[in-house]
All heavy atoms as atom14 arrays in JSON, in Angstrom:
{
  "sequence": "GSYALFLSRVHPKKNVDLLLTAWGTAKRPAGWKLCIAGPVDDEYKDR",
  "atom14_mask": [
    [1, 1, 1, 1, 0, 0, 0, 0, 0, 0, 0, 0, 0, 0],
    [1, 1, 1, 1, 1, 1, 0, 0, 0, 0, 0, 0, 0, 0],
    [1, 1, 1, 1, 1, 1, 1, 1, 1, 1, 1, 1, 0, 0],
    [1, 1, 1, 1, 1, 0, 0, 0, 0, 0, 0, 0, 0, 0],
    [1, 1, 1, 1, 1, 1, 1, 1, 0, 0, 0, 0, 0, 0],
    [1, 1, 1, 1, 1, 1, 1, 1, 1, 1, 1, 0, 0, 0],
    [1, 1, 1, 1, 1, 1, 1, 1, 0, 0, 0, 0, 0, 0],
    [1, 1, 1, 1, 1, 1, 0, 0, 0, 0, 0, 0, 0, 0],
    [1, 1, 1, 1, 1, 1, 1, 1, 1, 1, 1, 0, 0, 0],
    [1, 1, 1, 1, 1, 1, 1, 0, 0, 0, 0, 0, 0, 0],
    [1, 1, 1, 1, 1, 1, 1, 1, 1, 1, 0, 0, 0, 0],
    [1, 1, 1, 1, 1, 1, 1, 0, 0, 0, 0, 0, 0, 0],
    [1, 1, 1, 1, 1, 1, 1, 1, 1, 0, 0, 0, 0, 0],
    [1, 1, 1, 1, 1, 1, 1, 1, 1, 0, 0, 0, 0, 0],
    [1, 1, 1, 1, 1, 1, 1, 1, 0, 0, 0, 0, 0, 0],
    [1, 1, 1, 1, 1, 1, 1, 0, 0, 0, 0, 0, 0, 0],
    [1, 1, 1, 1, 1, 1, 1, 1, 0, 0, 0, 0, 0, 0],
    [1, 1, 1, 1, 1, 1, 1, 1, 0, 0, 0, 0, 0, 0],
    [1, 1, 1, 1, 1, 1, 1, 1, 0, 0, 0, 0, 0, 0],
    [1, 1, 1, 1, 1, 1, 1, 1, 0, 0, 0, 0, 0, 0],
    [1, 1, 1, 1, 1, 1, 1, 0, 0, 0, 0, 0, 0, 0],
    [1, 1, 1, 1, 1, 0, 0, 0, 0, 0, 0, 0, 0, 0],
    [1, 1, 1, 1, 1, 1, 1, 1, 1, 1, 1, 1, 1, 1],
    [1, 1, 1, 1, 0, 0, 0, 0, 0, 0, 0, 0, 0, 0],
    [1, 1, 1, 1, 1, 1, 1, 0, 0, 0, 0, 0, 0, 0],
    [1, 1, 1, 1, 1, 0, 0, 0, 0, 0, 0, 0, 0, 0],
    [1, 1, 1, 1, 1, 1, 1, 1, 1, 0, 0, 0, 0, 0],
    [1, 1, 1, 1, 1, 1, 1, 1, 1, 1, 1, 0, 0, 0],
    [1, 1, 1, 1, 1, 1, 1, 0, 0, 0, 0, 0, 0, 0],
    [1, 1, 1, 1, 1, 0, 0, 0, 0, 0, 0, 0, 0, 0],
    [1, 1, 1, 1, 0, 0, 0, 0, 0, 0, 0, 0, 0, 0],
    [1, 1, 1, 1, 1, 1, 1, 1, 1, 1, 1, 1, 1, 1],
    [1, 1, 1, 1, 1, 1, 1, 1, 1, 0, 0, 0, 0, 0],
    [1, 1, 1, 1, 1, 1, 1, 1, 0, 0, 0, 0, 0, 0],
    [1, 1, 1, 1, 1, 1, 0, 0, 0, 0, 0, 0, 0, 0],
    [1, 1, 1, 1, 1, 1, 1, 1, 0, 0, 0, 0, 0, 0],
    [1, 1, 1, 1, 1, 0, 0, 0, 0, 0, 0, 0, 0, 0],
    [1, 1, 1, 1, 0, 0, 0, 0, 0, 0, 0, 0, 0, 0],
    [1, 1, 1, 1, 1, 1, 1, 0, 0, 0, 0, 0, 0, 0],
    [1, 1, 1, 1, 1, 1, 1, 0, 0, 0, 0, 0, 0, 0],
    [1, 1, 1, 1, 1, 1, 1, 1, 0, 0, 0, 0, 0, 0],
    [1, 1, 1, 1, 1, 1, 1, 1, 0, 0, 0, 0, 0, 0],
    [1, 1, 1, 1, 1, 1, 1, 1, 1, 0, 0, 0, 0, 0],
    [1, 1, 1, 1, 1, 1, 1, 1, 1, 1, 1, 1, 0, 0],
    [1, 1, 1, 1, 1, 1, 1, 1, 1, 0, 0, 0, 0, 0],
    [1, 1, 1, 1, 1, 1, 1, 1, 0, 0, 0, 0, 0, 0],
    [1, 1, 1, 1, 1, 1, 1, 1, 1, 1, 1, 0, 0, 0]
  ],
  "atom14_positions": [
    [[25.19, 14.26, -22.78], [26.07, 14.11, -21.62], [27.28, 15.01, -21.75], [27.34, 15.9, -22.6], [0.0, 0.0, 0.0], [0.0, 0.0, 0.0], [0.0, 0.0, 0.0], [0.0, 0.0, 0.0], [0.0, 0.0, 0.0], [0.0, 0.0, 0.0], [0.0, 0.0, 0.0], [0.0, 0.0, 0.0], [0.0, 0.0, 0.0], [0.0, 0.0, 0.0]],
    [[28.28, 14.77, -20.91], [29.51, 15.56, -20.93], [30.55, 14.89, -21.83], [30.73, 13.67, -21.76], [30.09, 15.69, -19.52], [29.18, 16.37, -18.67], [0.0, 0.0, 0.0], [0.0, 0.0, 0.0], [0.0, 0.0, 0.0], [0.0, 0.0, 0.0], [0.0, 0.0, 0.0], [0.0, 0.0, 0.0], [0.0, 0.0, 0.0], [0.0, 0.0, 0.0]],
    [[31.22, 15.7, -22.66], [32.24, 15.12, -23.52], [33.37, 16.1, -23.77], [33.19, 17.33, -23.74], [31.65, 14.65, -24.85], [31.15, 15.74, -25.79], [31.97, 16.29, -26.78], [29.85, 16.22, -25.69], [31.51, 17.27, -27.63], [29.36, 17.21, -26.54], [30.2, 17.73, -27.51], [29.75, 18.71, -28.36], [0.0, 0.0, 0.0], [0.0, 0.0, 0.0]],
    [[34.56, 15.55, -24.01], [35.72, 16.31, -24.46], [35.87, 16.06, -25.96], [35.47, 15.02, -26.47], [36.97, 15.87, -23.71], [0.0, 0.0, 0.0], [0.0, 0.0, 0.0], [0.0, 0.0, 0.0], [0.0, 0.0, 0.0], [0.0, 0.0, 0.0], [0.0, 0.0, 0.0], [0.0, 0.0, 0.0], [0.0, 0.0, 0.0], [0.0, 0.0, 0.0]],
    [[36.47, 17.02, -26.65], [36.49, 16.99, -28.11], [37.9, 17.18, -28.66], [38.6, 18.13, -28.29], [35.59, 18.1, -28.66], [35.59, 18.34, -30.18], [34.99, 17.16, -30.92], [34.82, 19.63, -30.5], [0.0, 0.0, 0.0], [0.0, 0.0, 0.0], [0.0, 0.0, 0.0], [0.0, 0.0, 0.0], [0.0, 0.0, 0.0], [0.0, 0.0, 0.0]],
    [[38.29, 16.28, -29.54], [39.44, 16.5, -30.43], [38.86, 16.68, -31.81], [38.15, 15.8, -32.32], [40.4, 15.31, -30.4], [41.48, 15.4, -31.45], [42.72, 15.96, -31.17], [41.25, 14.96, -32.76], [43.7, 16.07, -32.14], [42.22, 15.06, -33.74], [43.45, 15.62, -33.43], [0.0, 0.0, 0.0], [0.0, 0.0, 0.0], [0.0, 0.0, 0.0]],
    [[39.15, 17.82, -32.47], [38.62, 18.09, -33.8], [39.74, 18.67, -34.65], [40.14, 19.81, -34.49], [37.43, 19.05, -33.72], [36.57, 19.2, -34.99], [35.17, 19.7, -34.61], [37.19, 20.15, -36.0], [0.0, 0.0, 0.0], [0.0, 0.0, 0.0], [0.0, 0.0, 0.0], [0.0, 0.0, 0.0], [0.0, 0.0, 0.0], [0.0, 0.0, 0.0]],
    [[40.26, 17.84, -35.54], [41.37, 18.24, -36.4], [41.65, 17.07, -37.33], [40.98, 16.03, -37.26], [42.62, 18.56, -35.57], [43.67, 19.06, -36.37], [0.0, 0.0, 0.0], [0.0, 0.0, 0.0], [0.0, 0.0, 0.0], [0.0, 0.0, 0.0], [0.0, 0.0, 0.0], [0.0, 0.0, 0.0], [0.0, 0.0, 0.0], [0.0, 0.0, 0.0]],
    [[42.63, 17.25, -38.21], [43.11, 16.12, -38.99], [43.75, 15.13, -38.03], [44.6, 15.5, -37.22], [44.12, 16.62, -40.04], [44.62, 15.57, -41.0], [45.36, 16.24, -42.14], [46.47, 17.06, -41.68], [47.75, 16.71, -41.77], [48.08, 15.55, -42.3], [48.7, 17.52, -41.34], [0.0, 0.0, 0.0], [0.0, 0.0, 0.0], [0.0, 0.0, 0.0]],
    [[43.34, 13.87, -38.1], [43.85, 12.86, -37.17], [45.15, 12.32, -37.73], [45.18, 11.39, -38.53], [42.8, 11.74, -36.97], [43.31, 10.73, -35.94], [41.47, 12.33, -36.51], [0.0, 0.0, 0.0], [0.0, 0.0, 0.0], [0.0, 0.0, 0.0], [0.0, 0.0, 0.0], [0.0, 0.0, 0.0], [0.0, 0.0, 0.0], [0.0, 0.0, 0.0]],
    [[46.25, 12.93, -37.3], [47.58, 12.65, -37.82], [48.49, 12.32, -36.64], [48.28, 12.83, -35.52], [48.1, 13.89, -38.56], [49.43, 13.72, -39.22], [50.62, 13.9, -38.54], [49.76, 13.37, -40.49], [51.63, 13.68, -39.37], [51.14, 13.36, -40.55], [0.0, 0.0, 0.0], [0.0, 0.0, 0.0], [0.0, 0.0, 0.0], [0.0, 0.0, 0.0]],
    [[49.5, 11.47, -36.83], [50.38, 11.12, -35.7], [50.96, 12.33, -34.96], [51.15, 12.24, -33.73], [51.48, 10.29, -36.38], [50.8, 9.63, -37.53], [49.81, 10.65, -38.03], [0.0, 0.0, 0.0], [0.0, 0.0, 0.0], [0.0, 0.0, 0.0], [0.0, 0.0, 0.0], [0.0, 0.0, 0.0], [0.0, 0.0, 0.0], [0.0, 0.0, 0.0]],
    [[51.24, 13.42, -35.66], [51.82, 14.56, -34.94], [50.84, 15.21, -33.98], [51.23, 15.95, -33.07], [52.36, 15.6, -35.93], [51.37, 16.62, -36.44], [52.09, 17.81, -37.04], [51.12, 18.91, -37.4], [51.79, 20.15, -37.83], [0.0, 0.0, 0.0], [0.0, 0.0, 0.0], [0.0, 0.0, 0.0], [0.0, 0.0, 0.0], [0.0, 0.0, 0.0]],
    [[49.54, 14.93, -34.16], [48.53, 15.47, -33.25], [48.44, 14.67, -31.95], [47.75, 15.07, -31.02], [47.16, 15.47, -33.93], [47.12, 16.09, -35.31], [47.11, 17.59, -35.29], [46.92, 18.16, -36.69], [46.82, 19.63, -36.71], [0.0, 0.0, 0.0], [0.0, 0.0, 0.0], [0.0, 0.0, 0.0], [0.0, 0.0, 0.0], [0.0, 0.0, 0.0]],
    [[49.12, 13.51, -31.91], [49.2, 12.69, -30.7], [47.85, 12.21, -30.18], [47.6, 12.19, -28.97], [49.94, 13.44, -29.59], [51.42, 13.56, -29.86], [52.04, 12.66, -30.42], [51.99, 14.69, -29.51], [0.0, 0.0, 0.0], [0.0, 0.0, 0.0], [0.0, 0.0, 0.0], [0.0, 0.0, 0.0], [0.0, 0.0, 0.0], [0.0, 0.0, 0.0]],
    [[46.98, 11.8, -31.1], [45.71, 11.23, -30.67], [45.94, 9.92, -29.91], [45.2, 9.58, -28.99], [44.78, 11.01, -31.88], [43.43, 10.45, -31.43], [44.55, 12.32, -32.62], [0.0, 0.0, 0.0], [0.0, 0.0, 0.0], [0.0, 0.0, 0.0], [0.0, 0.0, 0.0], [0.0, 0.0, 0.0], [0.0, 0.0, 0.0], [0.0, 0.0, 0.0]],
    [[47.0, 9.2, -30.27], [47.34, 7.97, -29.53], [47.7, 8.29, -28.09], [47.32, 7.55, -27.16], [48.46, 7.21, -30.24], [49.66, 8.06, -30.58], [49.5, 9.3, -30.75], [50.77, 7.52, -30.69], [0.0, 0.0, 0.0], [0.0, 0.0, 0.0], [0.0, 0.0, 0.0], [0.0, 0.0, 0.0], [0.0, 0.0, 0.0], [0.0, 0.0, 0.0]],
    [[48.42, 9.38, -27.86], [48.74, 9.81, -26.5], [47.46, 10.15, -25.73], [47.29, 9.78, -24.56], [49.69, 11.0, -26.54], [50.13, 11.62, -25.21], [51.53, 12.23, -25.36], [49.17, 12.73, -24.73], [0.0, 0.0, 0.0], [0.0, 0.0, 0.0], [0.0, 0.0, 0.0], [0.0, 0.0, 0.0], [0.0, 0.0, 0.0], [0.0, 0.0, 0.0]],
    [[46.56, 10.86, -26.41], [45.3, 11.25, -25.77], [44.48, 10.02, -25.4], [43.9, 9.94, -24.3], [44.51, 12.16, -26.72], [43.17, 12.69, -26.21], [43.34, 13.45, -24.91], [42.52, 13.58, -27.27], [0.0, 0.0, 0.0], [0.0, 0.0, 0.0], [0.0, 0.0, 0.0], [0.0, 0.0, 0.0], [0.0, 0.0, 0.0], [0.0, 0.0, 0.0]],
    [[44.44, 9.02, -26.29], [43.7, 7.79, -26.01], [44.34, 7.01, -24.87], [43.65, 6.4, -24.05], [43.61, 6.93, -27.26], [42.68, 7.43, -28.37], [42.71, 6.49, -29.56], [41.26, 7.62, -27.87], [0.0, 0.0, 0.0], [0.0, 0.0, 0.0], [0.0, 0.0, 0.0], [0.0, 0.0, 0.0], [0.0, 0.0, 0.0], [0.0, 0.0, 0.0]],
    [[45.66, 7.01, -24.81], [46.35, 6.34, -23.71], [46.0, 7.0, -22.38], [45.72, 6.32, -21.38], [47.87, 6.36, -23.93], [48.19, 5.65, -25.13], [48.61, 5.73, -22.76], [0.0, 0.0, 0.0], [0.0, 0.0, 0.0], [0.0, 0.0, 0.0], [0.0, 0.0, 0.0], [0.0, 0.0, 0.0], [0.0, 0.0, 0.0], [0.0, 0.0, 0.0]],
    [[46.03, 8.33, -22.35], [45.67, 9.05, -21.13], [44.22, 8.77, -20.76], [43.89, 8.54, -19.58], [45.9, 10.54, -21.33], [0.0, 0.0, 0.0], [0.0, 0.0, 0.0], [0.0, 0.0, 0.0], [0.0, 0.0, 0.0], [0.0, 0.0, 0.0], [0.0, 0.0, 0.0], [0.0, 0.0, 0.0], [0.0, 0.0, 0.0], [0.0, 0.0, 0.0]],
    [[43.34, 8.78, -21.74], [41.91, 8.54, -21.51], [41.68, 7.11, -21.01], [40.89, 6.88, -20.09], [41.15, 8.78, -22.79], [39.65, 8.86, -22.63], [38.76, 7.85, -22.85], [38.9, 10.0, -22.24], [37.48, 8.29, -22.6], [37.53, 9.62, -22.24], [39.22, 11.3, -21.9], [36.5, 10.49, -21.9], [38.19, 12.19, -21.57], [36.86, 11.79, -21.57]],
    [[42.4, 6.18, -21.61], [42.2, 4.79, -21.26], [42.74, 4.41, -19.9], [42.24, 3.48, -19.25], [0.0, 0.0, 0.0], [0.0, 0.0, 0.0], [0.0, 0.0, 0.0], [0.0, 0.0, 0.0], [0.0, 0.0, 0.0], [0.0, 0.0, 0.0], [0.0, 0.0, 0.0], [0.0, 0.0, 0.0], [0.0, 0.0, 0.0], [0.0, 0.0, 0.0]],
    [[43.79, 5.09, -19.42], [44.42, 4.75, -18.14], [43.91, 5.6, -16.98], [44.16, 5.28, -15.82], [45.94, 4.91, -18.23], [46.27, 6.24, -18.65], [46.53, 3.92, -19.23], [0.0, 0.0, 0.0], [0.0, 0.0, 0.0], [0.0, 0.0, 0.0], [0.0, 0.0, 0.0], [0.0, 0.0, 0.0], [0.0, 0.0, 0.0], [0.0, 0.0, 0.0]],
    [[43.2, 6.68, -17.29], [42.72, 7.59, -16.24], [41.47, 7.06, -15.55], [40.68, 6.3, -16.15], [42.43, 8.97, -16.84], [0.0, 0.0, 0.0], [0.0, 0.0, 0.0], [0.0, 0.0, 0.0], [0.0, 0.0, 0.0], [0.0, 0.0, 0.0], [0.0, 0.0, 0.0], [0.0, 0.0, 0.0], [0.0, 0.0, 0.0], [0.0, 0.0, 0.0]],
    [[41.28, 7.47, -14.31], [40.01, 7.24, -13.62], [39.08, 8.38, -14.04], [39.04, 9.44, -13.43], [40.22, 7.23, -12.11], [41.1, 6.08, -11.63], [41.33, 6.14, -10.12], [42.21, 5.0, -9.66], [42.49, 5.06, -8.2], [0.0, 0.0, 0.0], [0.0, 0.0, 0.0], [0.0, 0.0, 0.0], [0.0, 0.0, 0.0], [0.0, 0.0, 0.0]],
    [[38.37, 8.13, -15.12], [37.56, 9.19, -15.74], [36.31, 9.49, -14.92], [35.72, 8.58, -14.32], [37.14, 8.78, -17.16], [38.3, 8.5, -18.08], [37.81, 8.22, -19.49], [36.91, 7.07, -19.57], [37.31, 5.82, -19.68], [38.61, 5.55, -19.7], [36.44, 4.83, -19.76], [0.0, 0.0, 0.0], [0.0, 0.0, 0.0], [0.0, 0.0, 0.0]],
    [[35.89, 10.76, -14.94], [34.61, 11.1, -14.29], [33.48, 10.29, -14.92], [33.47, 10.05, -16.13], [34.46, 12.59, -14.58], [35.84, 13.08, -14.88], [36.54, 11.94, -15.53], [0.0, 0.0, 0.0], [0.0, 0.0, 0.0], [0.0, 0.0, 0.0], [0.0, 0.0, 0.0], [0.0, 0.0, 0.0], [0.0, 0.0, 0.0], [0.0, 0.0, 0.0]],
    [[32.53, 9.88, -14.11], [31.44, 9.03, -14.58], [30.65, 9.71, -15.7], [30.31, 10.9, -15.6], [30.5, 8.69, -13.42], [0.0, 0.0, 0.0], [0.0, 0.0, 0.0], [0.0, 0.0, 0.0], [0.0, 0.0, 0.0], [0.0, 0.0, 0.0], [0.0, 0.0, 0.0], [0.0, 0.0, 0.0], [0.0, 0.0, 0.0], [0.0, 0.0, 0.0]],
    [[30.38, 8.94, -16.76], [29.52, 9.43, -17.83], [30.2, 10.24, -18.91], [29.59, 10.54, -19.93], [0.0, 0.0, 0.0], [0.0, 0.0, 0.0], [0.0, 0.0, 0.0], [0.0, 0.0, 0.0], [0.0, 0.0, 0.0], [0.0, 0.0, 0.0], [0.0, 0.0, 0.0], [0.0, 0.0, 0.0], [0.0, 0.0, 0.0], [0.0, 0.0, 0.0]],
    [[31.45, 10.61, -18.73], [32.15, 11.44, -19.72], [32.54, 10.6, -20.93], [32.89, 9.43, -20.82], [33.41, 12.04, -19.11], [33.14, 13.33, -18.37], [32.45, 13.45, -17.19], [33.56, 14.63, -18.73], [32.42, 14.76, -16.8], [33.09, 15.52, -17.72], [34.28, 15.15, -19.79], [33.32, 16.88, -17.75], [34.52, 16.52, -19.83], [34.05, 17.37, -18.84]],
    [[32.52, 11.26, -22.11], [32.96, 10.62, -23.34], [33.98, 11.5, -24.05], [34.1, 12.7, -23.77], [31.76, 10.35, -24.26], [30.82, 9.29, -23.73], [29.79, 8.87, -24.76], [28.94, 7.73, -24.23], [27.97, 7.26, -25.26], [0.0, 0.0, 0.0], [0.0, 0.0, 0.0], [0.0, 0.0, 0.0], [0.0, 0.0, 0.0], [0.0, 0.0, 0.0]],
    [[34.71, 10.88, -24.95], [35.7, 11.58, -25.77], [35.29, 11.42, -27.22], [35.06, 10.3, -27.69], [37.09, 10.99, -25.54], [38.22, 11.52, -26.44], [38.45, 13.01, -26.23], [39.52, 10.74, -26.19], [0.0, 0.0, 0.0], [0.0, 0.0, 0.0], [0.0, 0.0, 0.0], [0.0, 0.0, 0.0], [0.0, 0.0, 0.0], [0.0, 0.0, 0.0]],
    [[35.21, 12.55, -27.94], [34.87, 12.53, -29.36], [36.12, 12.88, -30.16], [36.75, 13.92, -29.93], [33.76, 13.54, -29.66], [33.31, 13.64, -31.41], [0.0, 0.0, 0.0], [0.0, 0.0, 0.0], [0.0, 0.0, 0.0], [0.0, 0.0, 0.0], [0.0, 0.0, 0.0], [0.0, 0.0, 0.0], [0.0, 0.0, 0.0], [0.0, 0.0, 0.0]],
    [[36.49, 12.0, -31.1], [37.6, 12.24, -32.01], [36.99, 12.5, -33.39], [36.41, 11.6, -33.99], [38.55, 11.02, -32.09], [39.0, 10.6, -30.69], [39.73, 11.32, -33.0], [39.88, 11.59, -29.99], [0.0, 0.0, 0.0], [0.0, 0.0, 0.0], [0.0, 0.0, 0.0], [0.0, 0.0, 0.0], [0.0, 0.0, 0.0], [0.0, 0.0, 0.0]],
    [[37.12, 13.73, -33.89], [36.49, 14.11, -35.16], [37.54, 14.61, -36.13], [38.25, 15.58, -35.85], [35.44, 15.2, -34.93], [0.0, 0.0, 0.0], [0.0, 0.0, 0.0], [0.0, 0.0, 0.0], [0.0, 0.0, 0.0], [0.0, 0.0, 0.0], [0.0, 0.0, 0.0], [0.0, 0.0, 0.0], [0.0, 0.0, 0.0], [0.0, 0.0, 0.0]],
    [[37.66, 13.94, -37.28], [38.6, 14.36, -38.31], [38.98, 13.22, -39.22], [38.85, 12.04, -38.85], [0.0, 0.0, 0.0], [0.0, 0.0, 0.0], [0.0, 0.0, 0.0], [0.0, 0.0, 0.0], [0.0, 0.0, 0.0], [0.0, 0.0, 0.0], [0.0, 0.0, 0.0], [0.0, 0.0, 0.0], [0.0, 0.0, 0.0], [0.0, 0.0, 0.0]],
    [[39.45, 13.54, -40.42], [39.88, 12.49, -41.36], [41.15, 11.81, -40.87], [42.0, 12.42, -40.25], [40.11, 13.27, -42.66], [40.43, 14.67, -42.2], [39.61, 14.89, -40.97], [0.0, 0.0, 0.0], [0.0, 0.0, 0.0], [0.0, 0.0, 0.0], [0.0, 0.0, 0.0], [0.0, 0.0, 0.0], [0.0, 0.0, 0.0], [0.0, 0.0, 0.0]],
    [[41.29, 10.52, -41.19], [42.43, 9.74, -40.73], [42.76, 8.69, -41.77], [41.86, 8.14, -42.41], [42.12, 9.09, -39.35], [40.91, 8.19, -39.43], [43.33, 8.34, -38.81], [0.0, 0.0, 0.0], [0.0, 0.0, 0.0], [0.0, 0.0, 0.0], [0.0, 0.0, 0.0], [0.0, 0.0, 0.0], [0.0, 0.0, 0.0], [0.0, 0.0, 0.0]],
    [[44.05, 8.39, -41.93], [44.41, 7.31, -42.86], [44.27, 5.96, -42.16], [44.24, 5.87, -40.93], [45.81, 7.51, -43.45], [46.93, 7.41, -42.41], [46.88, 6.51, -41.55], [47.86, 8.22, -42.48], [0.0, 0.0, 0.0], [0.0, 0.0, 0.0], [0.0, 0.0, 0.0], [0.0, 0.0, 0.0], [0.0, 0.0, 0.0], [0.0, 0.0, 0.0]],
    [[44.19, 4.91, -42.96], [43.87, 3.58, -42.42], [44.92, 3.07, -41.43], [44.58, 2.46, -40.41], [43.72, 2.59, -43.57], [42.46, 2.85, -44.4], [41.54, 3.52, -43.88], [42.41, 2.4, -45.56], [0.0, 0.0, 0.0], [0.0, 0.0, 0.0], [0.0, 0.0, 0.0], [0.0, 0.0, 0.0], [0.0, 0.0, 0.0], [0.0, 0.0, 0.0]],
    [[46.2, 3.33, -41.73], [47.26, 2.8, -40.86], [47.18, 3.39, -39.45], [47.26, 2.67, -38.45], [48.62, 3.1, -41.48], [49.79, 2.55, -40.67], [51.14, 2.83, -41.32], [51.17, 3.34, -42.46], [52.17, 2.54, -40.67], [0.0, 0.0, 0.0], [0.0, 0.0, 0.0], [0.0, 0.0, 0.0], [0.0, 0.0, 0.0], [0.0, 0.0, 0.0]],
    [[47.01, 4.71, -39.37], [46.94, 5.35, -38.05], [45.63, 4.99, -37.36], [45.59, 4.8, -36.14], [47.08, 6.86, -38.19], [47.32, 7.58, -36.87], [48.28, 7.13, -35.97], [46.59, 8.7, -36.52], [48.51, 7.79, -34.76], [46.8, 9.38, -35.33], [47.77, 8.91, -34.45], [47.99, 9.56, -33.26], [0.0, 0.0, 0.0], [0.0, 0.0, 0.0]],
    [[44.55, 4.86, -38.12], [43.26, 4.48, -37.53], [43.36, 3.1, -36.88], [42.84, 2.88, -35.78], [42.17, 4.48, -38.6], [40.78, 4.2, -38.05], [39.72, 4.33, -39.13], [38.33, 4.1, -38.55], [37.27, 4.25, -39.59], [0.0, 0.0, 0.0], [0.0, 0.0, 0.0], [0.0, 0.0, 0.0], [0.0, 0.0, 0.0], [0.0, 0.0, 0.0]],
    [[44.04, 2.16, -37.55], [44.21, 0.83, -36.97], [44.99, 0.9, -35.66], [44.69, 0.17, -34.71], [44.94, -0.08, -37.97], [44.07, -0.48, -39.15], [42.84, -0.31, -39.07], [44.63, -0.93, -40.17], [0.0, 0.0, 0.0], [0.0, 0.0, 0.0], [0.0, 0.0, 0.0], [0.0, 0.0, 0.0], [0.0, 0.0, 0.0], [0.0, 0.0, 0.0]],
    [[45.98, 1.76, -35.62], [46.77, 1.94, -34.4], [45.9, 2.46, -33.26], [45.99, 2.0, -32.12], [47.92, 2.89, -34.7], [48.83, 3.2, -33.53], [49.98, 4.05, -34.03], [50.7, 4.73, -32.97], [51.61, 5.66, -33.18], [51.93, 6.02, -34.43], [52.24, 6.24, -32.17], [0.0, 0.0, 0.0], [0.0, 0.0, 0.0], [0.0, 0.0, 0.0]]
  ]
}
């Protein structure tokens, strides 16, 4: 299917939380997915 990709170290300065907020509140096109790829520490992953 169709997907958008974040691929980097998953660190707070990369603003993955901002991206997830935008993804979660948007009226997303049908069938689209978001892939988050990269190492992350437990604290930020829980967030």
